[in-house]
């Protein structure tokens, strides 16, 4: 049975990693026993992924100089990632703090202040500030929506980008999200802020409650 394309692609990449010098398409095809067009197809993907680099061979004769390929130096940019494990380690470290909620909220505020730089820092009214925050939350994957009839106003969050962690460590993840919104509002000089974040008021809904700055 012929290898699947992904397997053949790995063969091309491994051959280039093992080679002492850059190789041309014809040589790669010959060593692997496949058609040059197959090699060319996989090389284009590998170059696009940053796993392989293209070089032009020195050429004194007529015609176009041949192209050579070599494996990109350094670690494979397409290698496996384990960000979930990293997130669990960091959340566990925050949870071990004497004041985990406060520590998490402060981390969230720093995050919010960085995110706020994408929007102008000019003073904004309450309505514009809420629109800004809604855009920010949407870009981060929270699927925000206004809560009909809420007084004071509230924003519903229909998705959590860190759902698995939030379900197991809401005591850390939810204060981070609250701090995110508060930090952004502070950076914009908004006349409103997020007073509290109620997590999972419904199975698919969290609610951020807004209040005027300085309100009790």
C-alpha atoms as a PDB file:
ATOM      1  CA  UNK A   1       0.000   0.000   0.000  1.00  0.00           C
ATOM      2  CA  UNK A   2       1.313   3.434  -0.904  1.00  0.00           C
ATOM      3  CA  UNK A   3       1.926   5.796   2.044  1.00  0.00           C
ATOM      4  CA  UNK A   4      -0.666   8.485   2.627  1.00  0.00           C
ATOM      5  CA  UNK A   5       0.438  11.999   1.532  1.00  0.00           C
ATOM      6  CA  UNK A   6       1.248  13.059   5.097  1.00  0.00           C
ATOM      7  CA  UNK A   7       3.507  10.027   5.460  1.00  0.00           C
ATOM      8  CA  UNK A   8       5.251  10.758   2.174  1.00  0.00           C
ATOM      9  CA  UNK A   9       5.716  14.357   3.251  1.00  0.00           C
ATOM     10  CA  UNK A  10       7.432  13.204   6.414  1.00  0.00           C
ATOM     11  CA  UNK A  11       9.691  11.011   4.285  1.00  0.00           C
ATOM     12  CA  UNK A  12      10.726  14.023   2.220  1.00  0.00           C
ATOM     13  CA  UNK A  13      11.366  16.054   5.373  1.00  0.00           C
ATOM     14  CA  UNK A  14      13.357  13.280   7.050  1.00  0.00           C
ATOM     15  CA  UNK A  15      15.483  12.783   3.919  1.00  0.00           C
ATOM     16  CA  UNK A  16      16.383  16.480   3.904  1.00  0.00           C
ATOM     17  CA  UNK A  17      17.164  16.393   7.623  1.00  0.00           C
ATOM     18  CA  UNK A  18      19.520  13.463   7.119  1.00  0.00           C
ATOM     19  CA  UNK A  19      21.239  14.946   4.058  1.00  0.00           C
ATOM     20  CA  UNK A  20      24.578  16.694   4.525  1.00  0.00           C
ATOM     21  CA  UNK A  21      23.907  19.103   1.653  1.00  0.00           C
ATOM     22  CA  UNK A  22      20.776  20.591   0.030  1.00  0.00           C
ATOM     23  CA  UNK A  23      19.028  18.297  -2.447  1.00  0.00           C
ATOM     24  CA  UNK A  24      17.225  18.915  -5.709  1.00  0.00           C
ATOM     25  CA  UNK A  25      13.792  17.626  -6.632  1.00  0.00           C
ATOM     26  CA  UNK A  26      15.116  14.967  -9.010  1.00  0.00           C
ATOM     27  CA  UNK A  27      17.493  13.551  -6.414  1.00  0.00           C
ATOM     28  CA  UNK A  28      14.822  13.458  -3.724  1.00  0.00           C
ATOM     29  CA  UNK A  29      12.444  11.694  -6.136  1.00  0.00           C
ATOM     30  CA  UNK A  30      15.108   9.156  -7.068  1.00  0.00           C
ATOM     31  CA  UNK A  31      15.992   8.357  -3.455  1.00  0.00           C
ATOM     32  CA  UNK A  32      12.352   7.896  -2.458  1.00  0.00           C
ATOM     33  CA  UNK A  33      11.314   6.143  -5.649  1.00  0.00           C
ATOM     34  CA  UNK A  34       8.471   8.542  -6.442  1.00  0.00           C
ATOM     35  CA  UNK A  35       7.580  10.952  -9.236  1.00  0.00           C
ATOM     36  CA  UNK A  36       9.192  14.397  -9.208  1.00  0.00           C
ATOM     37  CA  UNK A  37       5.752  16.056  -9.204  1.00  0.00           C
ATOM     38  CA  UNK A  38       4.922  14.253  -5.971  1.00  0.00           C
ATOM     39  CA  UNK A  39       8.114  15.572  -4.400  1.00  0.00           C
ATOM     40  CA  UNK A  40       7.427  19.063  -5.732  1.00  0.00           C
ATOM     41  CA  UNK A  41       3.915  19.039  -4.222  1.00  0.00           C
ATOM     42  CA  UNK A  42       5.156  18.081  -0.760  1.00  0.00           C
ATOM     43  CA  UNK A  43       8.086  20.490  -0.886  1.00  0.00           C
ATOM     44  CA  UNK A  44       5.752  23.419  -1.540  1.00  0.00           C
ATOM     45  CA  UNK A  45       3.801  22.525   1.606  1.00  0.00           C
ATOM     46  CA  UNK A  46       6.953  22.043   3.669  1.00  0.00           C
ATOM     47  CA  UNK A  47       8.356  25.386   2.515  1.00  0.00           C
ATOM     48  CA  UNK A  48       5.043  27.091   3.302  1.00  0.00           C
ATOM     49  CA  UNK A  49       5.091  25.561   6.787  1.00  0.00           C
ATOM     50  CA  UNK A  50       8.601  26.852   7.449  1.00  0.00           C
ATOM     51  CA  UNK A  51       9.976  23.312   7.750  1.00  0.00           C
ATOM     52  CA  UNK A  52      12.098  23.446   4.587  1.00  0.00           C
ATOM     53  CA  UNK A  53      14.098  26.229   2.994  1.00  0.00           C
ATOM     54  CA  UNK A  54      14.509  26.786  -0.730  1.00  0.00           C
ATOM     55  CA  UNK A  55      17.918  27.653  -2.213  1.00  0.00           C
ATOM     56  CA  UNK A  56      19.139  28.447  -5.704  1.00  0.00           C
ATOM     57  CA  UNK A  57      22.181  26.487  -6.856  1.00  0.00           C
ATOM     58  CA  UNK A  58      25.105  28.247  -8.481  1.00  0.00           C
ATOM     59  CA  UNK A  59      24.764  27.806 -12.224  1.00  0.00           C
ATOM     60  CA  UNK A  60      27.027  29.041 -14.998  1.00  0.00           C
ATOM     61  CA  UNK A  61      25.308  27.474 -18.007  1.00  0.00           C
ATOM     62  CA  UNK A  62      22.192  28.483 -19.932  1.00  0.00           C
ATOM     63  CA  UNK A  63      18.715  28.069 -18.530  1.00  0.00           C
ATOM     64  CA  UNK A  64      17.224  28.513 -15.124  1.00  0.00           C
ATOM     65  CA  UNK A  65      19.460  27.455 -12.210  1.00  0.00           C
ATOM     66  CA  UNK A  66      18.143  24.394 -10.360  1.00  0.00           C
ATOM     67  CA  UNK A  67      16.445  24.805  -7.017  1.00  0.00           C
ATOM     68  CA  UNK A  68      17.759  23.005  -3.984  1.00  0.00           C
ATOM     69  CA  UNK A  69      16.064  22.317  -0.679  1.00  0.00           C
ATOM     70  CA  UNK A  70      17.244  21.774   2.859  1.00  0.00           C
ATOM     71  CA  UNK A  71      15.541  21.246   6.191  1.00  0.00           C
ATOM     72  CA  UNK A  72      15.116  24.509   8.084  1.00  0.00           C
ATOM     73  CA  UNK A  73      17.506  24.763  11.035  1.00  0.00           C
ATOM     74  CA  UNK A  74      16.135  24.732  14.560  1.00  0.00           C
ATOM     75  CA  UNK A  75      13.102  23.020  16.019  1.00  0.00           C
ATOM     76  CA  UNK A  76      10.257  21.978  13.756  1.00  0.00           C
ATOM     77  CA  UNK A  77       7.643  24.807  13.678  1.00  0.00           C
ATOM     78  CA  UNK A  78       4.973  22.214  12.884  1.00  0.00           C
ATOM     79  CA  UNK A  79       5.862  19.923  15.780  1.00  0.00           C
ATOM     80  CA  UNK A  80       3.251  18.931  18.384  1.00  0.00           C
ATOM     81  CA  UNK A  81       2.074  21.503  20.920  1.00  0.00           C
ATOM     82  CA  UNK A  82       0.878  20.933  24.486  1.00  0.00           C
ATOM     83  CA  UNK A  83      -0.516  24.329  25.443  1.00  0.00           C
ATOM     84  CA  UNK A  84      -3.251  22.711  27.534  1.00  0.00           C
ATOM     85  CA  UNK A  85      -0.600  21.177  29.786  1.00  0.00           C
ATOM     86  CA  UNK A  86       1.186  24.536  30.084  1.00  0.00           C
ATOM     87  CA  UNK A  87      -2.099  26.257  30.963  1.00  0.00           C
ATOM     88  CA  UNK A  88      -2.822  23.652  33.632  1.00  0.00           C
ATOM     89  CA  UNK A  89       0.634  24.165  35.150  1.00  0.00           C
ATOM     90  CA  UNK A  90       0.210  27.947  35.274  1.00  0.00           C
ATOM     91  CA  UNK A  91      -3.321  27.777  36.637  1.00  0.00           C
ATOM     92  CA  UNK A  92      -2.173  25.340  39.304  1.00  0.00           C
ATOM     93  CA  UNK A  93       0.610  27.719  40.287  1.00  0.00           C
ATOM     94  CA  UNK A  94      -1.839  30.623  40.653  1.00  0.00           C
ATOM     95  CA  UNK A  95      -4.230  28.402  42.614  1.00  0.00           C
ATOM     96  CA  UNK A  96      -1.464  27.729  45.156  1.00  0.00           C
ATOM     97  CA  UNK A  97      -1.135  31.461  45.897  1.00  0.00           C
ATOM     98  CA  UNK A  98      -2.544  32.670  49.265  1.00  0.00           C
ATOM     99  CA  UNK A  99      -5.008  34.850  47.323  1.00  0.00           C
ATOM    100  CA  UNK A 100      -5.607  32.961  44.061  1.00  0.00           C
ATOM    101  CA  UNK A 101      -8.585  35.055  42.951  1.00  0.00           C
ATOM    102  CA  UNK A 102      -6.732  38.325  43.535  1.00  0.00           C
ATOM    103  CA  UNK A 103      -3.610  37.041  41.833  1.00  0.00           C
ATOM    104  CA  UNK A 104      -5.646  35.813  38.856  1.00  0.00           C
ATOM    105  CA  UNK A 105      -7.611  39.069  38.567  1.00  0.00           C
ATOM    106  CA  UNK A 106      -4.405  41.117  38.530  1.00  0.00           C
ATOM    107  CA  UNK A 107      -2.982  38.901  35.779  1.00  0.00           C
ATOM    108  CA  UNK A 108      -6.208  39.437  33.866  1.00  0.00           C
ATOM    109  CA  UNK A 109      -5.984  43.219  34.292  1.00  0.00           C
ATOM    110  CA  UNK A 110      -2.465  43.204  32.846  1.00  0.00           C
ATOM    111  CA  UNK A 111      -3.776  41.169  29.934  1.00  0.00           C
ATOM    112  CA  UNK A 112      -6.670  43.587  29.467  1.00  0.00           C
ATOM    113  CA  UNK A 113      -4.383  46.607  29.442  1.00  0.00           C
ATOM    114  CA  UNK A 114      -2.298  45.009  26.682  1.00  0.00           C
ATOM    115  CA  UNK A 115      -5.383  44.120  24.672  1.00  0.00           C
ATOM    116  CA  UNK A 116      -6.709  47.663  25.050  1.00  0.00           C
ATOM    117  CA  UNK A 117      -3.757  49.040  23.084  1.00  0.00           C
ATOM    118  CA  UNK A 118      -5.483  47.884  19.891  1.00  0.00           C
ATOM    119  CA  UNK A 119      -8.093  50.619  20.404  1.00  0.00           C
ATOM    120  CA  UNK A 120      -7.492  54.398  20.594  1.00  0.00           C
ATOM    121  CA  UNK A 121      -6.856  55.656  24.123  1.00  0.00           C
ATOM    122  CA  UNK A 122      -9.060  58.728  23.760  1.00  0.00           C
ATOM    123  CA  UNK A 123     -11.769  59.175  26.412  1.00  0.00           C
ATOM    124  CA  UNK A 124     -14.898  57.264  25.492  1.00  0.00           C
ATOM    125  CA  UNK A 125     -18.493  57.378  26.666  1.00  0.00           C
ATOM    126  CA  UNK A 126     -20.216  54.436  28.290  1.00  0.00           C
ATOM    127  CA  UNK A 127     -21.799  53.196  25.063  1.00  0.00           C
ATOM    128  CA  UNK A 128     -18.570  53.334  23.063  1.00  0.00           C
ATOM    129  CA  UNK A 129     -16.644  51.672  25.887  1.00  0.00           C
ATOM    130  CA  UNK A 130     -19.080  48.768  25.980  1.00  0.00           C
ATOM    131  CA  UNK A 131     -18.853  48.451  22.187  1.00  0.00           C
ATOM    132  CA  UNK A 132     -15.058  48.384  22.411  1.00  0.00           C
ATOM    133  CA  UNK A 133     -15.103  45.694  25.042  1.00  0.00           C
ATOM    134  CA  UNK A 134     -17.640  43.668  23.084  1.00  0.00           C
ATOM    135  CA  UNK A 135     -15.368  43.792  20.029  1.00  0.00           C
ATOM    136  CA  UNK A 136     -12.379  42.751  22.113  1.00  0.00           C
ATOM    137  CA  UNK A 137     -14.253  39.840  23.678  1.00  0.00           C
ATOM    138  CA  UNK A 138     -15.491  38.747  20.271  1.00  0.00           C
ATOM    139  CA  UNK A 139     -11.946  38.751  18.861  1.00  0.00           C
ATOM    140  CA  UNK A 140     -10.788  36.635  21.810  1.00  0.00           C
ATOM    141  CA  UNK A 141     -13.522  34.069  21.195  1.00  0.00           C
ATOM    142  CA  UNK A 142     -16.008  34.786  24.001  1.00  0.00           C
ATOM    143  CA  UNK A 143     -19.021  35.151  21.642  1.00  0.00           C
ATOM    144  CA  UNK A 144     -20.405  38.178  23.560  1.00  0.00           C
ATOM    145  CA  UNK A 145     -23.983  39.407  23.278  1.00  0.00           C
ATOM    146  CA  UNK A 146     -26.052  42.002  25.167  1.00  0.00           C
ATOM    147  CA  UNK A 147     -28.372  40.660  27.842  1.00  0.00           C
ATOM    148  CA  UNK A 148     -31.875  41.874  27.019  1.00  0.00           C
ATOM    149  CA  UNK A 149     -33.587  43.811  29.768  1.00  0.00           C
ATOM    150  CA  UNK A 150     -30.598  43.859  32.099  1.00  0.00           C
ATOM    151  CA  UNK A 151     -30.464  46.912  34.371  1.00  0.00           C
ATOM    152  CA  UNK A 152     -27.698  47.854  34.864  1.00  0.00           C
ATOM    153  CA  UNK A 153     -26.454  46.601  31.472  1.00  0.00           C
ATOM    154  CA  UNK A 154     -24.809  43.203  31.177  1.00  0.00           C
ATOM    155  CA  UNK A 155     -22.949  41.235  28.519  1.00  0.00           C
ATOM    156  CA  UNK A 156     -23.545  37.540  28.014  1.00  0.00           C
ATOM    157  CA  UNK A 157     -20.611  35.332  27.070  1.00  0.00           C
ATOM    158  CA  UNK A 158     -21.695  32.321  25.047  1.00  0.00           C
ATOM    159  CA  UNK A 159     -18.290  30.708  24.729  1.00  0.00           C
ATOM    160  CA  UNK A 160     -15.244  30.309  26.957  1.00  0.00           C
ATOM    161  CA  UNK A 161     -11.894  30.015  25.139  1.00  0.00           C
ATOM    162  CA  UNK A 162     -10.561  28.136  28.178  1.00  0.00           C
ATOM    163  CA  UNK A 163     -13.627  25.988  28.786  1.00  0.00           C
ATOM    164  CA  UNK A 164     -11.934  22.855  30.128  1.00  0.00           C
ATOM    165  CA  UNK A 165      -9.883  24.857  32.622  1.00  0.00           C
ATOM    166  CA  UNK A 166     -12.829  27.067  33.568  1.00  0.00           C
ATOM    167  CA  UNK A 167     -14.963  24.028  34.365  1.00  0.00           C
ATOM    168  CA  UNK A 168     -12.320  22.581  36.688  1.00  0.00           C
ATOM    169  CA  UNK A 169     -10.677  25.764  38.034  1.00  0.00           C
ATOM    170  CA  UNK A 170     -13.304  28.497  37.838  1.00  0.00           C
ATOM    171  CA  UNK A 171     -11.747  30.026  40.979  1.00  0.00           C
ATOM    172  CA  UNK A 172      -8.724  31.033  38.869  1.00  0.00           C
ATOM    173  CA  UNK A 173      -9.910  31.266  35.262  1.00  0.00           C
ATOM    174  CA  UNK A 174     -13.024  33.382  35.884  1.00  0.00           C
ATOM    175  CA  UNK A 175     -11.147  36.084  37.882  1.00  0.00           C
ATOM    176  CA  UNK A 176      -8.668  36.266  34.985  1.00  0.00           C
ATOM    177  CA  UNK A 177     -11.544  37.001  32.620  1.00  0.00           C
ATOM    178  CA  UNK A 178     -13.001  39.561  35.015  1.00  0.00           C
ATOM    179  CA  UNK A 179      -9.616  41.255  35.304  1.00  0.00           C
ATOM    180  CA  UNK A 180      -9.267  41.225  31.510  1.00  0.00           C
ATOM    181  CA  UNK A 181     -12.427  43.286  31.109  1.00  0.00           C
ATOM    182  CA  UNK A 182     -11.637  45.605  34.019  1.00  0.00           C
ATOM    183  CA  UNK A 183      -8.084  46.244  32.799  1.00  0.00           C
ATOM    184  CA  UNK A 184      -9.282  47.139  29.308  1.00  0.00           C
ATOM    185  CA  UNK A 185     -11.889  49.545  30.663  1.00  0.00           C
ATOM    186  CA  UNK A 186      -9.275  51.182  32.901  1.00  0.00           C
ATOM    187  CA  UNK A 187      -6.923  51.701  29.954  1.00  0.00           C
ATOM    188  CA  UNK A 188      -9.650  53.344  27.893  1.00  0.00           C
ATOM    189  CA  UNK A 189     -10.580  55.669  30.755  1.00  0.00           C
ATOM    190  CA  UNK A 190     -14.118  54.324  30.498  1.00  0.00           C
ATOM    191  CA  UNK A 191     -16.849  55.687  32.786  1.00  0.00           C
ATOM    192  CA  UNK A 192     -18.077  52.105  33.293  1.00  0.00           C
ATOM    193  CA  UNK A 193     -16.439  48.881  34.368  1.00  0.00           C
ATOM    194  CA  UNK A 194     -17.346  45.251  34.985  1.00  0.00           C
ATOM    195  CA  UNK A 195     -18.502  44.848  38.577  1.00  0.00           C
ATOM    196  CA  UNK A 196     -18.677  41.049  38.582  1.00  0.00           C
ATOM    197  CA  UNK A 197     -18.683  38.006  36.331  1.00  0.00           C
ATOM    198  CA  UNK A 198     -21.241  35.298  37.028  1.00  0.00           C
ATOM    199  CA  UNK A 199     -19.962  32.018  35.632  1.00  0.00           C
ATOM    200  CA  UNK A 200     -22.250  29.418  34.054  1.00  0.00           C
ATOM    201  CA  UNK A 201     -25.542  30.968  35.059  1.00  0.00           C
ATOM    202  CA  UNK A 202     -26.773  28.607  32.342  1.00  0.00           C
ATOM    203  CA  UNK A 203     -24.826  25.669  30.881  1.00  0.00           C
ATOM    204  CA  UNK A 204     -23.823  27.829  27.901  1.00  0.00           C
ATOM    205  CA  UNK A 205     -23.809  31.321  29.402  1.00  0.00           C
ATOM    206  CA  UNK A 206     -21.672  33.501  31.662  1.00  0.00           C
ATOM    207  CA  UNK A 207     -22.749  37.081  32.419  1.00  0.00           C
ATOM    208  CA  UNK A 208     -20.543  40.151  32.925  1.00  0.00           C
ATOM    209  CA  UNK A 209     -22.374  42.841  34.921  1.00  0.00           C
ATOM    210  CA  UNK A 210     -21.501  46.467  34.184  1.00  0.00           C
ATOM    211  CA  UNK A 211     -21.584  49.394  36.560  1.00  0.00           C
ATOM    212  CA  UNK A 212     -20.580  53.040  36.557  1.00  0.00           C
ATOM    213  CA  UNK A 213     -17.089  53.772  37.807  1.00  0.00           C
ATOM    214  CA  UNK A 214     -17.182  54.680  41.483  1.00  0.00           C
ATOM    215  CA  UNK A 215     -20.637  53.202  41.993  1.00  0.00           C
ATOM    216  CA  UNK A 216     -21.093  51.156  45.120  1.00  0.00           C
END
